[in-house]
Amino acid sequence: MNHVLKGIRYETVGSLHGGSHDGELRLVGWSADQWLKRFDVDGSEIPAWRTKLLSNEPHLNPANTLAGRLQ
């Protein structure tokens, strides 16, 4: 999903939060920009990541599906 949305994502956001009310930590500046890019991988690596992710996913069967949903 990150790869699909990357084309419309801002490169820099300045801040991911509003102002701090009680001194809590906020992602601002460079750290906010890095948070947006945390899932970025080179486009050529996408098929390998897809294979890696799908290989660990269980197949749907009656044991892991709500009753009546798998026909």
PDB file of N, CA and C in Angstrom:
ATOM      1  N   MET A   1       0.823  -1.188   0.000  1.00  0.00           N
ATOM      2  CA  MET A   1       0.000   0.000   0.000  1.00  0.00           C
ATOM      3  C   MET A   1       0.869   1.254   0.000  1.00  0.00           C
ATOM      4  N   ASN A   2       1.958   1.216   0.767  1.00  0.00           N
ATOM      5  CA  ASN A   2       2.860   2.357   0.813  1.00  0.00           C
ATOM      6  C   ASN A   2       3.377   2.709  -0.578  1.00  0.00           C
ATOM      7  N   HIS A   3       3.742   1.690  -1.361  1.00  0.00           N
ATOM      8  CA  HIS A   3       4.281   1.925  -2.701  1.00  0.00           C
ATOM      9  C   HIS A   3       3.227   2.584  -3.600  1.00  0.00           C
ATOM     10  N   VAL A   4       1.975   2.188  -3.453  1.00  0.00           N
ATOM     11  CA  VAL A   4       0.889   2.749  -4.263  1.00  0.00           C
ATOM     12  C   VAL A   4       0.655   4.213  -3.902  1.00  0.00           C
ATOM     13  N   LEU A   5       0.689   4.538  -2.632  1.00  0.00           N
ATOM     14  CA  LEU A   5       0.400   5.903  -2.181  1.00  0.00           C
ATOM     15  C   LEU A   5       1.605   6.843  -2.237  1.00  0.00           C
ATOM     16  N   LYS A   6       2.776   6.305  -2.467  1.00  0.00           N
ATOM     17  CA  LYS A   6       3.999   7.099  -2.444  1.00  0.00           C
ATOM     18  C   LYS A   6       3.953   8.280  -3.414  1.00  0.00           C
ATOM     19  N   GLY A   7       3.322   8.095  -4.563  1.00  0.00           N
ATOM     20  CA  GLY A   7       3.255   9.166  -5.560  1.00  0.00           C
ATOM     21  C   GLY A   7       2.453  10.380  -5.132  1.00  0.00           C
ATOM     22  N   ILE A   8       1.552  10.240  -4.181  1.00  0.00           N
ATOM     23  CA  ILE A   8       0.734  11.367  -3.737  1.00  0.00           C
ATOM     24  C   ILE A   8       1.093  11.825  -2.322  1.00  0.00           C
ATOM     25  N   ARG A   9       2.068  11.193  -1.730  1.00  0.00           N
ATOM     26  CA  ARG A   9       2.475  11.520  -0.369  1.00  0.00           C
ATOM     27  C   ARG A   9       3.366  12.770  -0.353  1.00  0.00           C
ATOM     28  N   TYR A  10       3.222  13.582   0.667  1.00  0.00           N
ATOM     29  CA  TYR A  10       4.102  14.736   0.852  1.00  0.00           C
ATOM     30  C   TYR A  10       5.517  14.256   1.129  1.00  0.00           C
ATOM     31  N   GLU A  11       6.504  14.983   0.625  1.00  0.00           N
ATOM     32  CA  GLU A  11       7.899  14.653   0.904  1.00  0.00           C
ATOM     33  C   GLU A  11       8.284  15.095   2.313  1.00  0.00           C
ATOM     34  N   THR A  12       7.723  16.203   2.735  1.00  0.00           N
ATOM     35  CA  THR A  12       8.005  16.706   4.067  1.00  0.00           C
ATOM     36  C   THR A  12       6.709  17.230   4.669  1.00  0.00           C
ATOM     37  N   VAL A  13       6.510  16.995   5.958  1.00  0.00           N
ATOM     38  CA  VAL A  13       5.256  17.398   6.589  1.00  0.00           C
ATOM     39  C   VAL A  13       5.445  18.419   7.703  1.00  0.00           C
ATOM     40  N   GLY A  14       6.637  18.557   8.209  1.00  0.00           N
ATOM     41  CA  GLY A  14       6.865  19.489   9.302  1.00  0.00           C
ATOM     42  C   GLY A  14       6.480  18.900  10.643  1.00  0.00           C
ATOM     43  N   SER A  15       5.216  18.462  10.771  1.00  0.00           N
ATOM     44  CA  SER A  15       4.747  17.884  12.034  1.00  0.00           C
ATOM     45  C   SER A  15       3.604  16.921  11.755  1.00  0.00           C
ATOM     46  N   LEU A  16       3.615  15.782  12.431  1.00  0.00           N
ATOM     47  CA  LEU A  16       2.513  14.829  12.312  1.00  0.00           C
ATOM     48  C   LEU A  16       1.466  15.053  13.395  1.00  0.00           C
ATOM     49  N   HIS A  17       1.693  15.999  14.278  1.00  0.00           N
ATOM     50  CA  HIS A  17       0.814  16.224  15.421  1.00  0.00           C
ATOM     51  C   HIS A  17       0.527  17.709  15.555  1.00  0.00           C
ATOM     52  N   GLY A  18      -0.486  18.002  16.339  1.00  0.00           N
ATOM     53  CA  GLY A  18      -0.735  19.379  16.726  1.00  0.00           C
ATOM     54  C   GLY A  18       0.256  19.782  17.810  1.00  0.00           C
ATOM     55  N   GLY A  19       0.028  20.902  18.397  1.00  0.00           N
ATOM     56  CA  GLY A  19       0.916  21.365  19.451  1.00  0.00           C
ATOM     57  C   GLY A  19       0.851  20.491  20.693  1.00  0.00           C
ATOM     58  N   SER A  20       1.943  20.418  21.401  1.00  0.00           N
ATOM     59  CA  SER A  20       2.021  19.637  22.631  1.00  0.00           C
ATOM     60  C   SER A  20       1.326  20.396  23.751  1.00  0.00           C
ATOM     61  N   HIS A  21       0.429  19.726  24.467  1.00  0.00           N
ATOM     62  CA  HIS A  21      -0.275  20.368  25.571  1.00  0.00           C
ATOM     63  C   HIS A  21       0.445  20.163  26.898  1.00  0.00           C
ATOM     64  N   ASP A  22       1.025  18.993  27.078  1.00  0.00           N
ATOM     65  CA  ASP A  22       1.656  18.665  28.356  1.00  0.00           C
ATOM     66  C   ASP A  22       3.110  18.241  28.207  1.00  0.00           C
ATOM     67  N   GLY A  23       3.755  18.624  27.129  1.00  0.00           N
ATOM     68  CA  GLY A  23       5.156  18.308  26.940  1.00  0.00           C
ATOM     69  C   GLY A  23       5.427  16.920  26.386  1.00  0.00           C
ATOM     70  N   GLU A  24       4.380  16.208  25.906  1.00  0.00           N
ATOM     71  CA  GLU A  24       4.601  14.865  25.356  1.00  0.00           C
ATOM     72  C   GLU A  24       5.408  14.944  24.060  1.00  0.00           C
ATOM     73  N   LEU A  25       6.073  13.851  23.747  1.00  0.00           N
ATOM     74  CA  LEU A  25       6.922  13.807  22.564  1.00  0.00           C
ATOM     75  C   LEU A  25       6.084  13.904  21.295  1.00  0.00           C
ATOM     76  N   ARG A  26       6.608  14.578  20.305  1.00  0.00           N
ATOM     77  CA  ARG A  26       5.944  14.743  19.015  1.00  0.00           C
ATOM     78  C   ARG A  26       6.917  14.427  17.899  1.00  0.00           C
ATOM     79  N   LEU A  27       6.388  13.940  16.786  1.00  0.00           N
ATOM     80  CA  LEU A  27       7.207  13.731  15.591  1.00  0.00           C
ATOM     81  C   LEU A  27       7.133  15.006  14.756  1.00  0.00           C
ATOM     82  N   VAL A  28       8.249  15.714  14.725  1.00  0.00           N
ATOM     83  CA  VAL A  28       8.320  16.967  13.971  1.00  0.00           C
ATOM     84  C   VAL A  28       9.599  16.993  13.153  1.00  0.00           C
ATOM     85  N   GLY A  29       9.566  17.754  12.072  1.00  0.00           N
ATOM     86  CA  GLY A  29      10.755  17.938  11.234  1.00  0.00           C
ATOM     87  C   GLY A  29      11.265  16.645  10.626  1.00  0.00           C
ATOM     88  N   TRP A  30      12.561  16.405  10.784  1.00  0.00           N
ATOM     89  CA  TRP A  30      13.206  15.252  10.171  1.00  0.00           C
ATOM     90  C   TRP A  30      12.584  13.944  10.633  1.00  0.00           C
ATOM     91  N   SER A  31      12.284  13.804  11.927  1.00  0.00           N
ATOM     92  CA  SER A  31      11.724  12.551  12.436  1.00  0.00           C
ATOM     93  C   SER A  31      10.336  12.283  11.854  1.00  0.00           C
ATOM     94  N   ALA A  32       9.543  13.315  11.623  1.00  0.00           N
ATOM     95  CA  ALA A  32       8.230  13.142  10.998  1.00  0.00           C
ATOM     96  C   ALA A  32       8.393  12.677   9.553  1.00  0.00           C
ATOM     97  N   ASP A  33       9.340  13.262   8.838  1.00  0.00           N
ATOM     98  CA  ASP A  33       9.592  12.863   7.451  1.00  0.00           C
ATOM     99  C   ASP A  33      10.059  11.409   7.369  1.00  0.00           C
ATOM    100  N   GLN A  34      10.910  11.001   8.310  1.00  0.00           N
ATOM    101  CA  GLN A  34      11.386   9.618   8.325  1.00  0.00           C
ATOM    102  C   GLN A  34      10.253   8.640   8.648  1.00  0.00           C
ATOM    103  N   TRP A  35       9.320   9.043   9.481  1.00  0.00           N
ATOM    104  CA  TRP A  35       8.173   8.200   9.819  1.00  0.00           C
ATOM    105  C   TRP A  35       7.351   7.912   8.561  1.00  0.00           C
ATOM    106  N   LEU A  36       7.160   8.930   7.724  1.00  0.00           N
ATOM    107  CA  LEU A  36       6.414   8.739   6.480  1.00  0.00           C
ATOM    108  C   LEU A  36       7.116   7.755   5.547  1.00  0.00           C
ATOM    109  N   LYS A  37       8.429   7.708   5.601  1.00  0.00           N
ATOM    110  CA  LYS A  37       9.221   6.889   4.681  1.00  0.00           C
ATOM    111  C   LYS A  37       9.608   5.532   5.265  1.00  0.00           C
ATOM    112  N   ARG A  38       9.063   5.155   6.414  1.00  0.00           N
ATOM    113  CA  ARG A  38       9.508   3.952   7.121  1.00  0.00           C
ATOM    114  C   ARG A  38       9.267   2.665   6.355  1.00  0.00           C
ATOM    115  N   PHE A  39       8.321   2.642   5.417  1.00  0.00           N
ATOM    116  CA  PHE A  39       8.059   1.427   4.654  1.00  0.00           C
ATOM    117  C   PHE A  39       8.589   1.500   3.223  1.00  0.00           C
ATOM    118  N   ASP A  40       9.319   2.540   2.883  1.00  0.00           N
ATOM    119  CA  ASP A  40       9.827   2.703   1.516  1.00  0.00           C
ATOM    120  C   ASP A  40      10.861   1.639   1.173  1.00  0.00           C
ATOM    121  N   VAL A  41      10.681   1.003   0.036  1.00  0.00           N
ATOM    122  CA  VAL A  41      11.668   0.091  -0.530  1.00  0.00           C
ATOM    123  C   VAL A  41      11.770   0.399  -2.012  1.00  0.00           C
ATOM    124  N   ASP A  42      12.861   0.015  -2.607  1.00  0.00           N
ATOM    125  CA  ASP A  42      13.044   0.200  -4.038  1.00  0.00           C
ATOM    126  C   ASP A  42      11.978  -0.615  -4.790  1.00  0.00           C
ATOM    127  N   GLY A  43      11.447  -0.068  -5.865  1.00  0.00           N
ATOM    128  CA  GLY A  43      10.403  -0.740  -6.641  1.00  0.00           C
ATOM    129  C   GLY A  43      10.784  -2.125  -7.116  1.00  0.00           C
ATOM    130  N   SER A  44      12.064  -2.343  -7.379  1.00  0.00           N
ATOM    131  CA  SER A  44      12.505  -3.663  -7.840  1.00  0.00           C
ATOM    132  C   SER A  44      12.442  -4.716  -6.729  1.00  0.00           C
ATOM    133  N   GLU A  45      12.358  -4.269  -5.466  1.00  0.00           N
ATOM    134  CA  GLU A  45      12.288  -5.190  -4.333  1.00  0.00           C
ATOM    135  C   GLU A  45      10.863  -5.605  -3.987  1.00  0.00           C
ATOM    136  N   ILE A  46       9.863  -4.939  -4.574  1.00  0.00           N
ATOM    137  CA  ILE A  46       8.460  -5.208  -4.237  1.00  0.00           C
ATOM    138  C   ILE A  46       8.078  -6.669  -4.469  1.00  0.00           C
ATOM    139  N   PRO A  47       8.382  -7.289  -5.624  1.00  0.00           N
ATOM    140  CA  PRO A  47       7.992  -8.701  -5.808  1.00  0.00           C
ATOM    141  C   PRO A  47       8.582  -9.633  -4.746  1.00  0.00           C
ATOM    142  N   ALA A  48       9.821  -9.412  -4.358  1.00  0.00           N
ATOM    143  CA  ALA A  48      10.446 -10.259  -3.339  1.00  0.00           C
ATOM    144  C   ALA A  48       9.758 -10.085  -1.989  1.00  0.00           C
ATOM    145  N   TRP A  49       9.425  -8.840  -1.622  1.00  0.00           N
ATOM    146  CA  TRP A  49       8.717  -8.595  -0.367  1.00  0.00           C
ATOM    147  C   TRP A  49       7.326  -9.210  -0.410  1.00  0.00           C
ATOM    148  N   ARG A  50       6.639  -9.083  -1.544  1.00  0.00           N
ATOM    149  CA  ARG A  50       5.301  -9.658  -1.677  1.00  0.00           C
ATOM    150  C   ARG A  50       5.353 -11.170  -1.477  1.00  0.00           C
ATOM    151  N   THR A  51       6.317 -11.824  -2.100  1.00  0.00           N
ATOM    152  CA  THR A  51       6.476 -13.268  -1.956  1.00  0.00           C
ATOM    153  C   THR A  51       6.759 -13.633  -0.504  1.00  0.00           C
ATOM    154  N   LYS A  52       7.640 -12.880   0.128  1.00  0.00           N
ATOM    155  CA  LYS A  52       7.997 -13.143   1.523  1.00  0.00           C
ATOM    156  C   LYS A  52       6.779 -12.992   2.442  1.00  0.00           C
ATOM    157  N   LEU A  53       5.992 -11.948   2.228  1.00  0.00           N
ATOM    158  CA  LEU A  53       4.813 -11.724   3.066  1.00  0.00           C
ATOM    159  C   LEU A  53       3.744 -12.775   2.837  1.00  0.00           C
ATOM    160  N   LEU A  54       3.491 -13.128   1.584  1.00  0.00           N
ATOM    161  CA  LEU A  54       2.426 -14.080   1.278  1.00  0.00           C
ATOM    162  C   LEU A  54       2.779 -15.505   1.668  1.00  0.00           C
ATOM    163  N   SER A  55       4.058 -15.826   1.731  1.00  0.00           N
ATOM    164  CA  SER A  55       4.446 -17.190   2.065  1.00  0.00           C
ATOM    165  C   SER A  55       4.103 -17.545   3.515  1.00  0.00           C
ATOM    166  N   ASN A  56       3.956 -16.543   4.372  1.00  0.00           N
ATOM    167  CA  ASN A  56       3.636 -16.782   5.778  1.00  0.00           C
ATOM    168  C   ASN A  56       2.144 -16.676   6.084  1.00  0.00           C
ATOM    169  N   GLU A  57       1.340 -16.305   5.094  1.00  0.00           N
ATOM    170  CA  GLU A  57      -0.091 -16.151   5.316  1.00  0.00           C
ATOM    171  C   GLU A  57      -0.802 -17.495   5.222  1.00  0.00           C
ATOM    172  N   PRO A  58      -1.668 -17.813   6.185  1.00  0.00           N
ATOM    173  CA  PRO A  58      -2.408 -19.078   6.102  1.00  0.00           C
ATOM    174  C   PRO A  58      -3.482 -19.005   5.014  1.00  0.00           C
ATOM    175  N   HIS A  59      -3.768 -20.136   4.397  1.00  0.00           N
ATOM    176  CA  HIS A  59      -4.842 -20.206   3.411  1.00  0.00           C
ATOM    177  C   HIS A  59      -6.171 -20.262   4.145  1.00  0.00           C
ATOM    178  N   LEU A  60      -7.200 -19.670   3.541  1.00  0.00           N
ATOM    179  CA  LEU A  60      -8.520 -19.715   4.166  1.00  0.00           C
ATOM    180  C   LEU A  60      -9.068 -21.131   4.148  1.00  0.00           C
ATOM    181  N   ASN A  61      -9.609 -21.531   5.277  1.00  0.00           N
ATOM    182  CA  ASN A  61     -10.281 -22.822   5.387  1.00  0.00           C
ATOM    183  C   ASN A  61     -11.311 -22.704   6.505  1.00  0.00           C
ATOM    184  N   PRO A  62     -12.165 -23.693   6.683  1.00  0.00           N
ATOM    185  CA  PRO A  62     -13.210 -23.583   7.715  1.00  0.00           C
ATOM    186  C   PRO A  62     -12.671 -23.362   9.137  1.00  0.00           C
ATOM    187  N   ALA A  63     -11.444 -23.745   9.403  1.00  0.00           N
ATOM    188  CA  ALA A  63     -10.879 -23.585  10.747  1.00  0.00           C
ATOM    189  C   ALA A  63     -10.538 -22.129  11.083  1.00  0.00           C
ATOM    190  N   ASN A  64     -10.252 -21.293  10.074  1.00  0.00           N
ATOM    191  CA  ASN A  64      -9.865 -19.912  10.351  1.00  0.00           C
ATOM    192  C   ASN A  64     -10.775 -18.889   9.675  1.00  0.00           C
ATOM    193  N   THR A  65     -12.018 -19.271   9.402  1.00  0.00           N
ATOM    194  CA  THR A  65     -12.982 -18.401   8.733  1.00  0.00           C
ATOM    195  C   THR A  65     -14.292 -18.416   9.510  1.00  0.00           C
ATOM    196  N   LEU A  66     -14.985 -17.292   9.525  1.00  0.00           N
ATOM    197  CA  LEU A  66     -16.285 -17.234  10.186  1.00  0.00           C
ATOM    198  C   LEU A  66     -17.245 -18.230   9.536  1.00  0.00           C
ATOM    199  N   ALA A  67     -18.087 -18.820  10.341  1.00  0.00           N
ATOM    200  CA  ALA A  67     -19.047 -19.808   9.838  1.00  0.00           C
ATOM    201  C   ALA A  67     -19.914 -19.212   8.734  1.00  0.00           C
ATOM    202  N   GLY A  68     -20.064 -19.955   7.646  1.00  0.00           N
ATOM    203  CA  GLY A  68     -20.902 -19.539   6.532  1.00  0.00           C
ATOM    204  C   GLY A  68     -20.243 -18.555   5.568  1.00  0.00           C
ATOM    205  N   ARG A  69     -19.019 -18.105   5.834  1.00  0.00           N
ATOM    206  CA  ARG A  69     -18.356 -17.123   4.959  1.00  0.00           C
ATOM    207  C   ARG A  69     -17.543 -17.774   3.848  1.00  0.00           C
ATOM    208  N   LEU A  70     -17.118 -18.991   4.037  1.00  0.00           N
ATOM    209  CA  LEU A  70     -16.309 -19.681   3.037  1.00  0.00           C
ATOM    210  C   LEU A  70     -17.205 -20.700   2.333  1.00  0.00           C
ATOM    211  N   GLN A  71     -17.573 -20.390   1.115  1.00  0.00           N
ATOM    212  CA  GLN A  71     -18.504 -21.251   0.366  1.00  0.00           C
ATOM    213  C   GLN A  71     -17.769 -22.014  -0.701  1.00  0.00           C
TER     214      GLN A  71
END
